[in-house]
PDB file of N, CA and C in Angstrom:
ATOM      1  N   LEU A   1       1.051  -1.029  -0.106  1.00  0.00           N
ATOM      2  CA  LEU A   1      -0.072  -0.365   0.321  1.00  0.00           C
ATOM      3  C   LEU A   1       0.867   1.286  -0.290  1.00  0.00           C
ATOM      4  N   VAL A   2       0.337   1.915  -0.845  1.00  0.00           N
ATOM      5  CA  VAL A   2       1.236   3.331  -1.191  1.00  0.00           C
ATOM      6  C   VAL A   2       1.101   4.350  -0.576  1.00  0.00           C
ATOM      7  N   GLY A   3       1.104   5.001   0.762  1.00  0.00           N
ATOM      8  CA  GLY A   3       0.937   6.205   1.604  1.00  0.00           C
ATOM      9  C   GLY A   3       1.269   7.208   1.337  1.00  0.00           C
ATOM     10  N   THR A   4       1.086   8.117   2.282  1.00  0.00           N
ATOM     11  CA  THR A   4       2.131   9.513   2.330  1.00  0.00           C
ATOM     12  C   THR A   4       3.240   9.473   3.102  1.00  0.00           C
ATOM     13  N   GLY A   5       3.823  10.261   3.161  1.00  0.00           N
ATOM     14  CA  GLY A   5       4.720  10.762   4.651  1.00  0.00           C
ATOM     15  C   GLY A   5       5.997   9.401   4.256  1.00  0.00           C
ATOM     16  N   GLN A   6       6.165   8.847   5.696  1.00  0.00           N
ATOM     17  CA  GLN A   6       6.475   7.530   5.890  1.00  0.00           C
ATOM     18  C   GLN A   6       6.048   6.445   5.090  1.00  0.00           C
ATOM     19  N   GLY A   7       4.715   7.002   4.588  1.00  0.00           N
ATOM     20  CA  GLY A   7       4.071   5.463   3.938  1.00  0.00           C
ATOM     21  C   GLY A   7       4.036   5.322   2.637  1.00  0.00           C
ATOM     22  N   GLN A   8       5.659   5.858   1.914  1.00  0.00           N
ATOM     23  CA  GLN A   8       5.661   5.944   0.579  1.00  0.00           C
ATOM     24  C   GLN A   8       5.965   4.459   0.744  1.00  0.00           C
ATOM     25  N   LEU A   9       5.927   4.044  -0.973  1.00  0.00           N
ATOM     26  CA  LEU A   9       6.898   2.653  -1.425  1.00  0.00           C
ATOM     27  C   LEU A   9       8.257   2.865  -1.663  1.00  0.00           C
ATOM     28  N   ILE A  10       9.027   2.484  -0.890  1.00  0.00           N
ATOM     29  CA  ILE A  10      10.185   2.315  -1.035  1.00  0.00           C
ATOM     30  C   ILE A  10      11.097   1.366  -1.568  1.00  0.00           C
ATOM     31  N   GLY A  11      11.509   1.108  -2.888  1.00  0.00           N
ATOM     32  CA  GLY A  11      12.356   0.287  -3.461  1.00  0.00           C
ATOM     33  C   GLY A  11      13.924   0.764  -3.680  1.00  0.00           C
ATOM     34  N   GLY A  12      14.763  -0.448  -3.325  1.00  0.00           N
ATOM     35  CA  GLY A  12      15.999  -0.462  -3.526  1.00  0.00           C
ATOM     36  C   GLY A  12      16.311  -1.501  -4.477  1.00  0.00           C
ATOM     37  N   PHE A  13      17.846  -1.102  -5.521  1.00  0.00           N
ATOM     38  CA  PHE A  13      18.428  -1.774  -6.445  1.00  0.00           C
ATOM     39  C   PHE A  13      19.769  -1.572  -6.399  1.00  0.00           C
ATOM     40  N   ILE A  14      20.356  -2.712  -7.096  1.00  0.00           N
ATOM     41  CA  ILE A  14      22.535  -2.272  -7.272  1.00  0.00           C
ATOM     42  C   ILE A  14      22.205  -2.554  -8.664  1.00  0.00           C
ATOM     43  N   ILE A  15      23.455  -1.834  -9.585  1.00  0.00           N
ATOM     44  CA  ILE A  15      23.547  -2.378 -10.299  1.00  0.00           C
ATOM     45  C   ILE A  15      25.108  -2.338 -10.690  1.00  0.00           C
ATOM     46  N   THR A  16      25.390  -4.067 -11.063  1.00  0.00           N
ATOM     47  CA  THR A  16      26.610  -4.438 -11.423  1.00  0.00           C
ATOM     48  C   THR A  16      26.939  -4.146 -12.474  1.00  0.00           C
ATOM     49  N   GLY A  17      28.290  -4.171 -12.645  1.00  0.00           N
ATOM     50  CA  GLY A  17      29.375  -4.349 -13.849  1.00  0.00           C
ATOM     51  C   GLY A  17      28.917  -2.700 -14.948  1.00  0.00           C
ATOM     52  N   GLY A  18      27.866  -2.521 -15.202  1.00  0.00           N
ATOM     53  CA  GLY A  18      27.447  -1.261 -15.505  1.00  0.00           C
ATOM     54  C   GLY A  18      28.393  -0.580 -16.559  1.00  0.00           C
ATOM     55  N   PRO A  19      27.879   0.605 -17.316  1.00  0.00           N
ATOM     56  CA  PRO A  19      26.945   1.577 -16.949  1.00  0.00           C
ATOM     57  C   PRO A  19      25.695   0.530 -17.716  1.00  0.00           C
ATOM     58  N   LYS A  20      24.447   0.646 -17.429  1.00  0.00           N
ATOM     59  CA  LYS A  20      23.687  -0.524 -17.598  1.00  0.00           C
ATOM     60  C   LYS A  20      22.156   0.802 -17.578  1.00  0.00           C
ATOM     61  N   LEU A  21      21.578   0.534 -19.158  1.00  0.00           N
ATOM     62  CA  LEU A  21      20.444   1.284 -19.317  1.00  0.00           C
ATOM     63  C   LEU A  21      19.310   0.682 -18.090  1.00  0.00           C
ATOM     64  N   VAL A  22      18.480   1.426 -17.710  1.00  0.00           N
ATOM     65  CA  VAL A  22      17.411   0.524 -16.980  1.00  0.00           C
ATOM     66  C   VAL A  22      15.949   1.506 -17.112  1.00  0.00           C
ATOM     67  N   MET A  23      15.210   0.646 -16.960  1.00  0.00           N
ATOM     68  CA  MET A  23      13.752   1.272 -17.210  1.00  0.00           C
ATOM     69  C   MET A  23      12.450   1.148 -15.537  1.00  0.00           C
ATOM     70  N   ILE A  24      13.067   2.294 -15.204  1.00  0.00           N
ATOM     71  CA  ILE A  24      11.724   1.594 -13.498  1.00  0.00           C
ATOM     72  C   ILE A  24      10.435   2.555 -14.140  1.00  0.00           C
ATOM     73  N   ARG A  25       9.435   1.691 -13.251  1.00  0.00           N
ATOM     74  CA  ARG A  25       8.233   2.119 -14.133  1.00  0.00           C
ATOM     75  C   ARG A  25       7.889   1.870 -11.957  1.00  0.00           C
ATOM     76  N   ALA A  26       6.599   2.707 -11.896  1.00  0.00           N
ATOM     77  CA  ALA A  26       6.078   2.635 -10.656  1.00  0.00           C
ATOM     78  C   ALA A  26       4.328   2.798 -11.602  1.00  0.00           C
ATOM     79  N   MET A  27       3.427   1.334 -11.413  1.00  0.00           N
ATOM     80  CA  MET A  27       2.592   0.910 -11.358  1.00  0.00           C
ATOM     81  C   MET A  27       1.399   1.615 -10.793  1.00  0.00           C
ATOM     82  N   GLY A  28       0.575   1.876 -10.818  1.00  0.00           N
ATOM     83  CA  GLY A  28      -0.914   1.946 -10.212  1.00  0.00           C
ATOM     84  C   GLY A  28      -2.185   1.444 -10.961  1.00  0.00           C
ATOM     85  N   PRO A  29      -2.789   2.593 -12.304  1.00  0.00           N
ATOM     86  CA  PRO A  29      -3.864   2.094 -12.979  1.00  0.00           C
ATOM     87  C   PRO A  29      -4.020   1.128 -13.560  1.00  0.00           C
ATOM     88  N   SER A  30      -2.762   0.253 -13.958  1.00  0.00           N
ATOM     89  CA  SER A  30      -2.799  -0.634 -14.849  1.00  0.00           C
ATOM     90  C   SER A  30      -3.143  -2.074 -14.164  1.00  0.00           C
ATOM     91  N   LEU A  31      -2.376  -1.669 -12.691  1.00  0.00           N
ATOM     92  CA  LEU A  31      -3.205  -2.780 -11.666  1.00  0.00           C
ATOM     93  C   LEU A  31      -4.550  -3.426 -11.667  1.00  0.00           C
ATOM     94  N   ALA A  32      -5.357  -1.908 -11.262  1.00  0.00           N
ATOM     95  CA  ALA A  32      -6.857  -1.920 -11.657  1.00  0.00           C
ATOM     96  C   ALA A  32      -7.277  -2.557 -12.245  1.00  0.00           C
ATOM     97  N   ALA A  33      -6.967  -2.589 -13.666  1.00  0.00           N
ATOM     98  CA  ALA A  33      -7.147  -3.688 -14.694  1.00  0.00           C
ATOM     99  C   ALA A  33      -7.185  -5.190 -14.722  1.00  0.00           C
ATOM    100  N   VAL A  34      -6.123  -5.005 -13.662  1.00  0.00           N
ATOM    101  CA  VAL A  34      -6.238  -7.017 -13.109  1.00  0.00           C
ATOM    102  C   VAL A  34      -6.684  -7.316 -11.764  1.00  0.00           C
ATOM    103  N   GLY A  35      -7.298  -6.595 -11.445  1.00  0.00           N
ATOM    104  CA  GLY A  35      -8.559  -6.743 -10.686  1.00  0.00           C
ATOM    105  C   GLY A  35      -7.735  -6.002  -9.147  1.00  0.00           C
ATOM    106  N   VAL A  36      -6.811  -5.570  -8.954  1.00  0.00           N
ATOM    107  CA  VAL A  36      -6.168  -5.364  -7.602  1.00  0.00           C
ATOM    108  C   VAL A  36      -7.031  -3.788  -7.136  1.00  0.00           C
ATOM    109  N   SER A  37      -7.193  -4.137  -6.149  1.00  0.00           N
ATOM    110  CA  SER A  37      -8.261  -2.583  -5.447  1.00  0.00           C
ATOM    111  C   SER A  37      -7.742  -2.229  -4.272  1.00  0.00           C
ATOM    112  N   PRO A  38      -7.387  -1.249  -3.512  1.00  0.00           N
ATOM    113  CA  PRO A  38      -7.476   0.195  -4.588  1.00  0.00           C
ATOM    114  C   PRO A  38      -6.136   0.218  -4.976  1.00  0.00           C
ATOM    115  N   ALA A  39      -6.138   0.678  -6.612  1.00  0.00           N
ATOM    116  CA  ALA A  39      -5.025   0.470  -7.199  1.00  0.00           C
ATOM    117  C   ALA A  39      -4.860   1.982  -6.611  1.00  0.00           C
ATOM    118  N   LEU A  40      -3.279   2.482  -6.653  1.00  0.00           N
ATOM    119  CA  LEU A  40      -3.207   3.661  -6.784  1.00  0.00           C
ATOM    120  C   LEU A  40      -3.303   4.643  -8.386  1.00  0.00           C
ATOM    121  N   ALA A  41      -3.705   5.740  -8.267  1.00  0.00           N
ATOM    122  CA  ALA A  41      -4.539   6.068  -9.587  1.00  0.00           C
ATOM    123  C   ALA A  41      -3.681   6.787 -10.087  1.00  0.00           C
ATOM    124  N   ASN A  42      -2.574   7.751  -9.710  1.00  0.00           N
ATOM    125  CA  ASN A  42      -1.638   8.466 -10.424  1.00  0.00           C
ATOM    126  C   ASN A  42      -0.305   8.322  -9.694  1.00  0.00           C
ATOM    127  N   PRO A  43       0.601   7.310  -9.650  1.00  0.00           N
ATOM    128  CA  PRO A  43       1.559   7.350  -8.933  1.00  0.00           C
ATOM    129  C   PRO A  43       3.097   7.864  -9.699  1.00  0.00           C
ATOM    130  N   THR A  44       3.600   8.363  -8.664  1.00  0.00           N
ATOM    131  CA  THR A  44       4.870   9.619  -9.103  1.00  0.00           C
ATOM    132  C   THR A  44       5.951   8.635  -8.401  1.00  0.00           C
ATOM    133  N   LEU A  45       7.201   8.775  -9.349  1.00  0.00           N
ATOM    134  CA  LEU A  45       8.729   8.067  -9.181  1.00  0.00           C
ATOM    135  C   LEU A  45       9.651   8.896  -8.864  1.00  0.00           C
ATOM    136  N   THR A  46      10.644   8.464  -8.008  1.00  0.00           N
ATOM    137  CA  THR A  46      11.495   9.390  -7.916  1.00  0.00           C
ATOM    138  C   THR A  46      12.699   8.779  -7.658  1.00  0.00           C
ATOM    139  N   LEU A  47      14.026   8.480  -8.235  1.00  0.00           N
ATOM    140  CA  LEU A  47      15.033   8.238  -8.403  1.00  0.00           C
ATOM    141  C   LEU A  47      16.121   8.780  -7.465  1.00  0.00           C
ATOM    142  N   PHE A  48      17.003   8.152  -6.337  1.00  0.00           N
ATOM    143  CA  PHE A  48      17.840   8.438  -5.669  1.00  0.00           C
ATOM    144  C   PHE A  48      19.139   8.005  -5.648  1.00  0.00           C
ATOM    145  N   ALA A  49      20.630   8.128  -5.555  1.00  0.00           N
ATOM    146  CA  ALA A  49      21.800   7.519  -4.957  1.00  0.00           C
ATOM    147  C   ALA A  49      21.892   8.198  -4.432  1.00  0.00           C
ATOM    148  N   GLY A  50      22.542   7.257  -3.389  1.00  0.00           N
ATOM    149  CA  GLY A  50      22.352   8.068  -1.844  1.00  0.00           C
ATOM    150  C   GLY A  50      21.607   9.084  -1.456  1.00  0.00           C
ATOM    151  N   GLY A  51      22.037  10.116  -1.028  1.00  0.00           N
ATOM    152  CA  GLY A  51      21.092  11.758  -0.498  1.00  0.00           C
ATOM    153  C   GLY A  51      20.813  12.393  -2.105  1.00  0.00           C
ATOM    154  N   ASN A  52      21.365  11.766  -3.060  1.00  0.00           N
ATOM    155  CA  ASN A  52      21.295  12.851  -4.138  1.00  0.00           C
ATOM    156  C   ASN A  52      20.117  12.347  -5.208  1.00  0.00           C
ATOM    157  N   GLN A  53      18.753  13.151  -5.330  1.00  0.00           N
ATOM    158  CA  GLN A  53      17.720  13.072  -6.253  1.00  0.00           C
ATOM    159  C   GLN A  53      18.647  12.853  -8.125  1.00  0.00           C
ATOM    160  N   LEU A  54      18.356  11.838  -8.378  1.00  0.00           N
ATOM    161  CA  LEU A  54      18.656  11.937 -10.013  1.00  0.00           C
ATOM    162  C   LEU A  54      17.939  12.150 -10.732  1.00  0.00           C
ATOM    163  N   ALA A  55      16.665  11.789 -10.589  1.00  0.00           N
ATOM    164  CA  ALA A  55      15.384  12.350 -11.459  1.00  0.00           C
ATOM    165  C   ALA A  55      14.019  11.762 -11.088  1.00  0.00           C
ATOM    166  N   ALA A  56      13.037  12.404 -11.740  1.00  0.00           N
ATOM    167  CA  ALA A  56      11.805  11.825 -11.409  1.00  0.00           C
ATOM    168  C   ALA A  56      10.745  11.951 -12.506  1.00  0.00           C
ATOM    169  N   ASN A  57       9.574  11.276 -12.407  1.00  0.00           N
ATOM    170  CA  ASN A  57       8.623  11.414 -13.191  1.00  0.00           C
ATOM    171  C   ASN A  57       7.171  11.293 -13.136  1.00  0.00           C
ATOM    172  N   ASP A  58       6.272  11.872 -13.528  1.00  0.00           N
ATOM    173  CA  ASP A  58       4.868  11.658 -13.262  1.00  0.00           C
ATOM    174  C   ASP A  58       4.120  11.716 -14.084  1.00  0.00           C
ATOM    175  N   ASP A  59       3.804  10.692 -14.799  1.00  0.00           N
ATOM    176  CA  ASP A  59       2.784  10.973 -16.677  1.00  0.00           C
ATOM    177  C   ASP A  59       3.881  10.098 -17.245  1.00  0.00           C
ATOM    178  N   TRP A  60       4.001   8.933 -17.925  1.00  0.00           N
ATOM    179  CA  TRP A  60       5.287   8.758 -18.108  1.00  0.00           C
ATOM    180  C   TRP A  60       5.416   9.517 -19.667  1.00  0.00           C
ATOM    181  N   LYS A  61       4.543   9.470 -20.477  1.00  0.00           N
ATOM    182  CA  LYS A  61       4.233  10.470 -22.008  1.00  0.00           C
ATOM    183  C   LYS A  61       5.001  11.618 -21.626  1.00  0.00           C
ATOM    184  N   THR A  62       5.089  12.358 -20.542  1.00  0.00           N
ATOM    185  CA  THR A  62       6.191  13.545 -20.123  1.00  0.00           C
ATOM    186  C   THR A  62       7.594  13.147 -20.635  1.00  0.00           C
ATOM    187  N   ASN A  63       7.985  12.097 -20.529  1.00  0.00           N
ATOM    188  CA  ASN A  63       9.768  12.149 -20.379  1.00  0.00           C
ATOM    189  C   ASN A  63      10.097  12.652 -22.090  1.00  0.00           C
ATOM    190  N   THR A  64      11.471  12.924 -22.122  1.00  0.00           N
ATOM    191  CA  THR A  64      11.912  13.714 -23.026  1.00  0.00           C
ATOM    192  C   THR A  64      11.885  12.263 -24.261  1.00  0.00           C
ATOM    193  N   ASN A  65      12.370  10.844 -23.213  1.00  0.00           N
ATOM    194  CA  ASN A  65      12.774  10.462 -24.212  1.00  0.00           C
ATOM    195  C   ASN A  65      11.593   9.201 -24.101  1.00  0.00           C
ATOM    196  N   VAL A  66      10.462   9.791 -24.714  1.00  0.00           N
ATOM    197  CA  VAL A  66       9.418   8.835 -24.864  1.00  0.00           C
ATOM    198  C   VAL A  66       9.283   7.597 -25.690  1.00  0.00           C
ATOM    199  N   ASP A  67      10.071   8.530 -26.908  1.00  0.00           N
ATOM    200  CA  ASP A  67      10.082   6.992 -28.361  1.00  0.00           C
ATOM    201  C   ASP A  67      11.041   5.826 -27.641  1.00  0.00           C
ATOM    202  N   ASP A  68      12.191   6.245 -26.973  1.00  0.00           N
ATOM    203  CA  ASP A  68      12.828   5.562 -26.443  1.00  0.00           C
ATOM    204  C   ASP A  68      11.888   3.845 -25.492  1.00  0.00           C
ATOM    205  N   ILE A  69      11.051   4.502 -24.712  1.00  0.00           N
ATOM    206  CA  ILE A  69      10.076   4.267 -24.033  1.00  0.00           C
ATOM    207  C   ILE A  69       9.376   3.168 -24.874  1.00  0.00           C
ATOM    208  N   ILE A  70       9.009   3.576 -25.580  1.00  0.00           N
ATOM    209  CA  ILE A  70       8.161   2.755 -26.380  1.00  0.00           C
ATOM    210  C   ILE A  70       8.961   1.655 -27.008  1.00  0.00           C
ATOM    211  N   ALA A  71       9.632   2.322 -27.343  1.00  0.00           N
ATOM    212  CA  ALA A  71      10.683   1.261 -28.571  1.00  0.00           C
ATOM    213  C   ALA A  71      11.071  -0.077 -27.693  1.00  0.00           C
ATOM    214  N   SER A  72      11.181   0.267 -26.431  1.00  0.00           N
ATOM    215  CA  SER A  72      11.696  -0.516 -25.445  1.00  0.00           C
ATOM    216  C   SER A  72      10.965  -2.394 -24.971  1.00  0.00           C
ATOM    217  N   GLY A  73       9.666  -1.505 -25.540  1.00  0.00           N
ATOM    218  CA  GLY A  73       8.611  -2.645 -25.061  1.00  0.00           C
ATOM    219  C   GLY A  73       7.994  -2.906 -24.157  1.00  0.00           C
ATOM    220  N   LEU A  74       8.225  -2.106 -23.001  1.00  0.00           N
ATOM    221  CA  LEU A  74       8.134  -2.140 -22.070  1.00  0.00           C
ATOM    222  C   LEU A  74       7.189  -0.858 -21.302  1.00  0.00           C
ATOM    223  N   ALA A  75       6.611  -0.185 -22.245  1.00  0.00           N
ATOM    224  CA  ALA A  75       5.741   1.422 -22.029  1.00  0.00           C
ATOM    225  C   ALA A  75       4.624   0.825 -21.210  1.00  0.00           C
ATOM    226  N   PRO A  76       4.216   1.351 -20.313  1.00  0.00           N
ATOM    227  CA  PRO A  76       2.881   1.018 -19.497  1.00  0.00           C
ATOM    228  C   PRO A  76       1.659   1.317 -20.388  1.00  0.00           C
ATOM    229  N   SER A  77       0.436   0.405 -19.773  1.00  0.00           N
ATOM    230  CA  SER A  77      -0.914   0.893 -20.951  1.00  0.00           C
ATOM    231  C   SER A  77      -1.491   1.872 -20.542  1.00  0.00           C
ATOM    232  N   ASP A  78      -1.034   2.250 -19.094  1.00  0.00           N
ATOM    233  CA  ASP A  78      -2.175   3.549 -18.963  1.00  0.00           C
ATOM    234  C   ASP A  78      -0.960   4.937 -19.025  1.00  0.00           C
ATOM    235  N   ASP A  79      -1.278   6.108 -19.336  1.00  0.00           N
ATOM    236  CA  ASP A  79      -0.845   6.947 -19.527  1.00  0.00           C
ATOM    237  C   ASP A  79      -0.022   7.576 -17.640  1.00  0.00           C
ATOM    238  N   LEU A  80      -1.199   7.393 -17.024  1.00  0.00           N
ATOM    239  CA  LEU A  80      -0.773   8.014 -15.528  1.00  0.00           C
ATOM    240  C   LEU A  80       0.514   7.743 -14.449  1.00  0.00           C
ATOM    241  N   GLU A  81       0.654   6.453 -15.579  1.00  0.00           N
ATOM    242  CA  GLU A  81       2.079   5.366 -14.572  1.00  0.00           C
ATOM    243  C   GLU A  81       3.369   5.937 -14.840  1.00  0.00           C
ATOM    244  N   ALA A  82       4.225   5.824 -13.860  1.00  0.00           N
ATOM    245  CA  ALA A  82       5.471   6.859 -14.124  1.00  0.00           C
ATOM    246  C   ALA A  82       6.680   6.172 -14.481  1.00  0.00           C
ATOM    247  N   VAL A  83       7.689   6.708 -15.343  1.00  0.00           N
ATOM    248  CA  VAL A  83       8.591   5.969 -15.581  1.00  0.00           C
ATOM    249  C   VAL A  83       9.730   6.707 -15.804  1.00  0.00           C
ATOM    250  N   LEU A  84      11.140   5.819 -15.722  1.00  0.00           N
ATOM    251  CA  LEU A  84      12.390   6.449 -16.258  1.00  0.00           C
ATOM    252  C   LEU A  84      12.877   5.495 -16.940  1.00  0.00           C
ATOM    253  N   LEU A  85      13.586   5.763 -17.849  1.00  0.00           N
ATOM    254  CA  LEU A  85      14.629   4.956 -18.608  1.00  0.00           C
ATOM    255  C   LEU A  85      15.729   5.750 -18.622  1.00  0.00           C
ATOM    256  N   ILE A  86      17.138   5.173 -17.642  1.00  0.00           N
ATOM    257  CA  ILE A  86      18.003   5.902 -17.655  1.00  0.00           C
ATOM    258  C   ILE A  86      19.002   5.129 -17.247  1.00  0.00           C
ATOM    259  N   ARG A  87      20.680   5.523 -17.775  1.00  0.00           N
ATOM    260  CA  ARG A  87      21.969   4.742 -17.566  1.00  0.00           C
ATOM    261  C   ARG A  87      22.244   4.975 -16.303  1.00  0.00           C
ATOM    262  N   LEU A  88      22.772   3.987 -15.757  1.00  0.00           N
ATOM    263  CA  LEU A  88      23.019   4.079 -14.747  1.00  0.00           C
ATOM    264  C   LEU A  88      24.356   3.557 -14.385  1.00  0.00           C
ATOM    265  N   GLU A  89      25.155   3.959 -13.696  1.00  0.00           N
ATOM    266  CA  GLU A  89      26.120   3.464 -13.031  1.00  0.00           C
ATOM    267  C   GLU A  89      26.562   2.546 -12.269  1.00  0.00           C
ATOM    268  N   PRO A  90      27.698   1.464 -12.096  1.00  0.00           N
ATOM    269  CA  PRO A  90      27.506   0.524 -10.895  1.00  0.00           C
ATOM    270  C   PRO A  90      27.466   1.278  -9.299  1.00  0.00           C
ATOM    271  N   GLY A  91      26.287   0.675  -8.710  1.00  0.00           N
ATOM    272  CA  GLY A  91      26.066   1.512  -7.171  1.00  0.00           C
ATOM    273  C   GLY A  91      24.765   0.993  -7.041  1.00  0.00           C
ATOM    274  N   ALA A  92      24.348   1.982  -5.558  1.00  0.00           N
ATOM    275  CA  ALA A  92      23.261   1.563  -5.210  1.00  0.00           C
ATOM    276  C   ALA A  92      22.072   2.492  -5.493  1.00  0.00           C
ATOM    277  N   TYR A  93      20.993   2.015  -5.456  1.00  0.00           N
ATOM    278  CA  TYR A  93      19.948   3.241  -6.183  1.00  0.00           C
ATOM    279  C   TYR A  93      18.662   2.775  -5.059  1.00  0.00           C
ATOM    280  N   THR A  94      18.156   4.006  -4.729  1.00  0.00           N
ATOM    281  CA  THR A  94      16.314   4.071  -4.246  1.00  0.00           C
ATOM    282  C   THR A  94      15.466   4.459  -5.030  1.00  0.00           C
ATOM    283  N   THR A  95      14.348   3.671  -5.023  1.00  0.00           N
ATOM    284  CA  THR A  95      13.459   4.756  -5.482  1.00  0.00           C
ATOM    285  C   THR A  95      12.063   5.132  -4.481  1.00  0.00           C
ATOM    286  N   VAL A  96      11.356   6.055  -4.841  1.00  0.00           N
ATOM    287  CA  VAL A  96      10.499   6.471  -3.914  1.00  0.00           C
ATOM    288  C   VAL A  96       9.282   6.378  -5.076  1.00  0.00           C
ATOM    289  N   VAL A  97       8.073   5.967  -4.389  1.00  0.00           N
ATOM    290  CA  VAL A  97       6.632   5.909  -5.553  1.00  0.00           C
ATOM    291  C   VAL A  97       6.181   6.686  -4.468  1.00  0.00           C
ATOM    292  N   SER A  98       5.019   7.685  -4.660  1.00  0.00           N
ATOM    293  CA  SER A  98       4.132   8.079  -4.070  1.00  0.00           C
ATOM    294  C   SER A  98       3.031   8.450  -5.121  1.00  0.00           C
ATOM    295  N   GLY A  99       1.285   8.864  -4.529  1.00  0.00           N
ATOM    296  CA  GLY A  99       0.357   8.993  -5.092  1.00  0.00           C
ATOM    297  C   GLY A  99       0.312  10.868  -5.465  1.00  0.00           C
ATOM    298  N   ALA A 100       0.320  11.263  -6.915  1.00  0.00           N
ATOM    299  CA  ALA A 100      -0.054  12.349  -6.960  1.00  0.00           C
ATOM    300  C   ALA A 100      -0.936  13.072  -5.981  1.00  0.00           C
ATOM    301  N   GLY A 101      -0.928  14.324  -5.842  1.00  0.00           N
ATOM    302  CA  GLY A 101      -1.914  14.918  -4.830  1.00  0.00           C
ATOM    303  C   GLY A 101      -1.987  14.627  -3.437  1.00  0.00           C
ATOM    304  N   GLY A 102      -1.488  12.793  -2.988  1.00  0.00           N
ATOM    305  CA  GLY A 102      -0.982  12.682  -1.959  1.00  0.00           C
ATOM    306  C   GLY A 102      -2.255  11.804  -1.877  1.00  0.00           C
ATOM    307  N   ALA A 103      -2.542  11.073  -3.057  1.00  0.00           N
ATOM    308  CA  ALA A 103      -3.375  10.130  -3.205  1.00  0.00           C
ATOM    309  C   ALA A 103      -2.862   8.931  -2.432  1.00  0.00           C
ATOM    310  N   THR A 104      -3.605   8.079  -2.164  1.00  0.00           N
ATOM    311  CA  THR A 104      -2.913   6.414  -1.920  1.00  0.00           C
ATOM    312  C   THR A 104      -3.607   5.420  -2.721  1.00  0.00           C
ATOM    313  N   GLY A 105      -3.061   4.261  -2.018  1.00  0.00           N
ATOM    314  CA  GLY A 105      -3.707   3.102  -3.178  1.00  0.00           C
ATOM    315  C   GLY A 105      -2.313   2.095  -3.003  1.00  0.00           C
ATOM    316  N   ILE A 106      -2.928   0.645  -3.700  1.00  0.00           N
ATOM    317  CA  ILE A 106      -1.827   0.128  -4.127  1.00  0.00           C
ATOM    318  C   ILE A 106      -0.877   0.083  -5.352  1.00  0.00           C
ATOM    319  N   GLY A 107       0.795  -0.218  -5.544  1.00  0.00           N
ATOM    320  CA  GLY A 107       1.142   0.445  -6.376  1.00  0.00           C
ATOM    321  C   GLY A 107       2.308  -0.642  -6.525  1.00  0.00           C
ATOM    322  N   LEU A 108       3.009  -0.583  -7.411  1.00  0.00           N
ATOM    323  CA  LEU A 108       4.252  -1.640  -7.702  1.00  0.00           C
ATOM    324  C   LEU A 108       5.128  -0.818  -8.458  1.00  0.00           C
ATOM    325  N   VAL A 109       6.646  -1.040  -7.721  1.00  0.00           N
ATOM    326  CA  VAL A 109       7.676  -0.313  -8.754  1.00  0.00           C
ATOM    327  C   VAL A 109       8.121  -1.652  -9.145  1.00  0.00           C
ATOM    328  N   GLU A 110       8.897  -1.427 -10.618  1.00  0.00           N
ATOM    329  CA  GLU A 110       9.625  -2.619 -11.106  1.00  0.00           C
ATOM    330  C   GLU A 110      10.849  -1.935 -11.863  1.00  0.00           C
ATOM    331  N   VAL A 111      12.047  -2.514 -11.884  1.00  0.00           N
ATOM    332  CA  VAL A 111      12.987  -2.208 -12.701  1.00  0.00           C
ATOM    333  C   VAL A 111      13.468  -3.483 -13.392  1.00  0.00           C
ATOM    334  N   TYR A 112      14.150  -2.950 -14.443  1.00  0.00           N
ATOM    335  CA  TYR A 112      14.065  -3.654 -15.811  1.00  0.00           C
ATOM    336  C   TYR A 112      15.299  -3.550 -16.226  1.00  0.00           C
ATOM    337  N   GLU A 113      16.583  -4.387 -16.384  1.00  0.00           N
ATOM    338  CA  GLU A 113      17.482  -4.303 -17.263  1.00  0.00           C
ATOM    339  C   GLU A 113      17.143  -4.234 -18.851  1.00  0.00           C
ATOM    340  N   VAL A 114      17.333  -3.112 -19.391  1.00  0.00           N
ATOM    341  CA  VAL A 114      17.120  -2.678 -20.905  1.00  0.00           C
ATOM    342  C   VAL A 114      18.649  -2.758 -21.799  1.00  0.00           C
ATOM    343  N   GLY A 115      19.208  -2.281 -21.577  1.00  0.00           N
ATOM    344  CA  GLY A 115      20.954  -2.819 -21.946  1.00  0.00           C
ATOM    345  C   GLY A 115      22.277  -2.540 -21.234  1.00  0.00           C
ATOM    346  N   SER A 116      23.198  -2.374 -21.511  1.00  0.00           N
ATOM    347  CA  SER A 116      24.336  -2.581 -20.910  1.00  0.00           C
ATOM    348  C   SER A 116      25.364  -2.115 -21.830  1.00  0.00           C
ATOM    349  N   ASP A 117      26.625  -1.589 -21.440  1.00  0.00           N
ATOM    350  CA  ASP A 117      27.506  -0.699 -22.650  1.00  0.00           C
ATOM    351  C   ASP A 117      28.658  -2.282 -22.197  1.00  0.00           C
TER     352      ASP A 117
END
């Protein structure tokens, strides 16, 4: 359940080998389509390395690399979901998923390796 404040969804992952192109998805609305209730209506996604914010997204089609997201074959089915397609160096990373406008609901964060150098 994605809440507010300390109830946000936090996920961590580690990149080894790298640099690697990864897609990070914060899912909510598409979960409702498969029977999850109450799904997070409009997730937002923020990526951190240590205490430094690297990137953020709300509504995946607002990304400057939307064509690359579509070409990956991993684009979400709902425009309100959040996505980052980003090249990351080896290291530890943290994602934070929250609901736009303080909304709450069931959400999911996913990390995919799309490619490496």
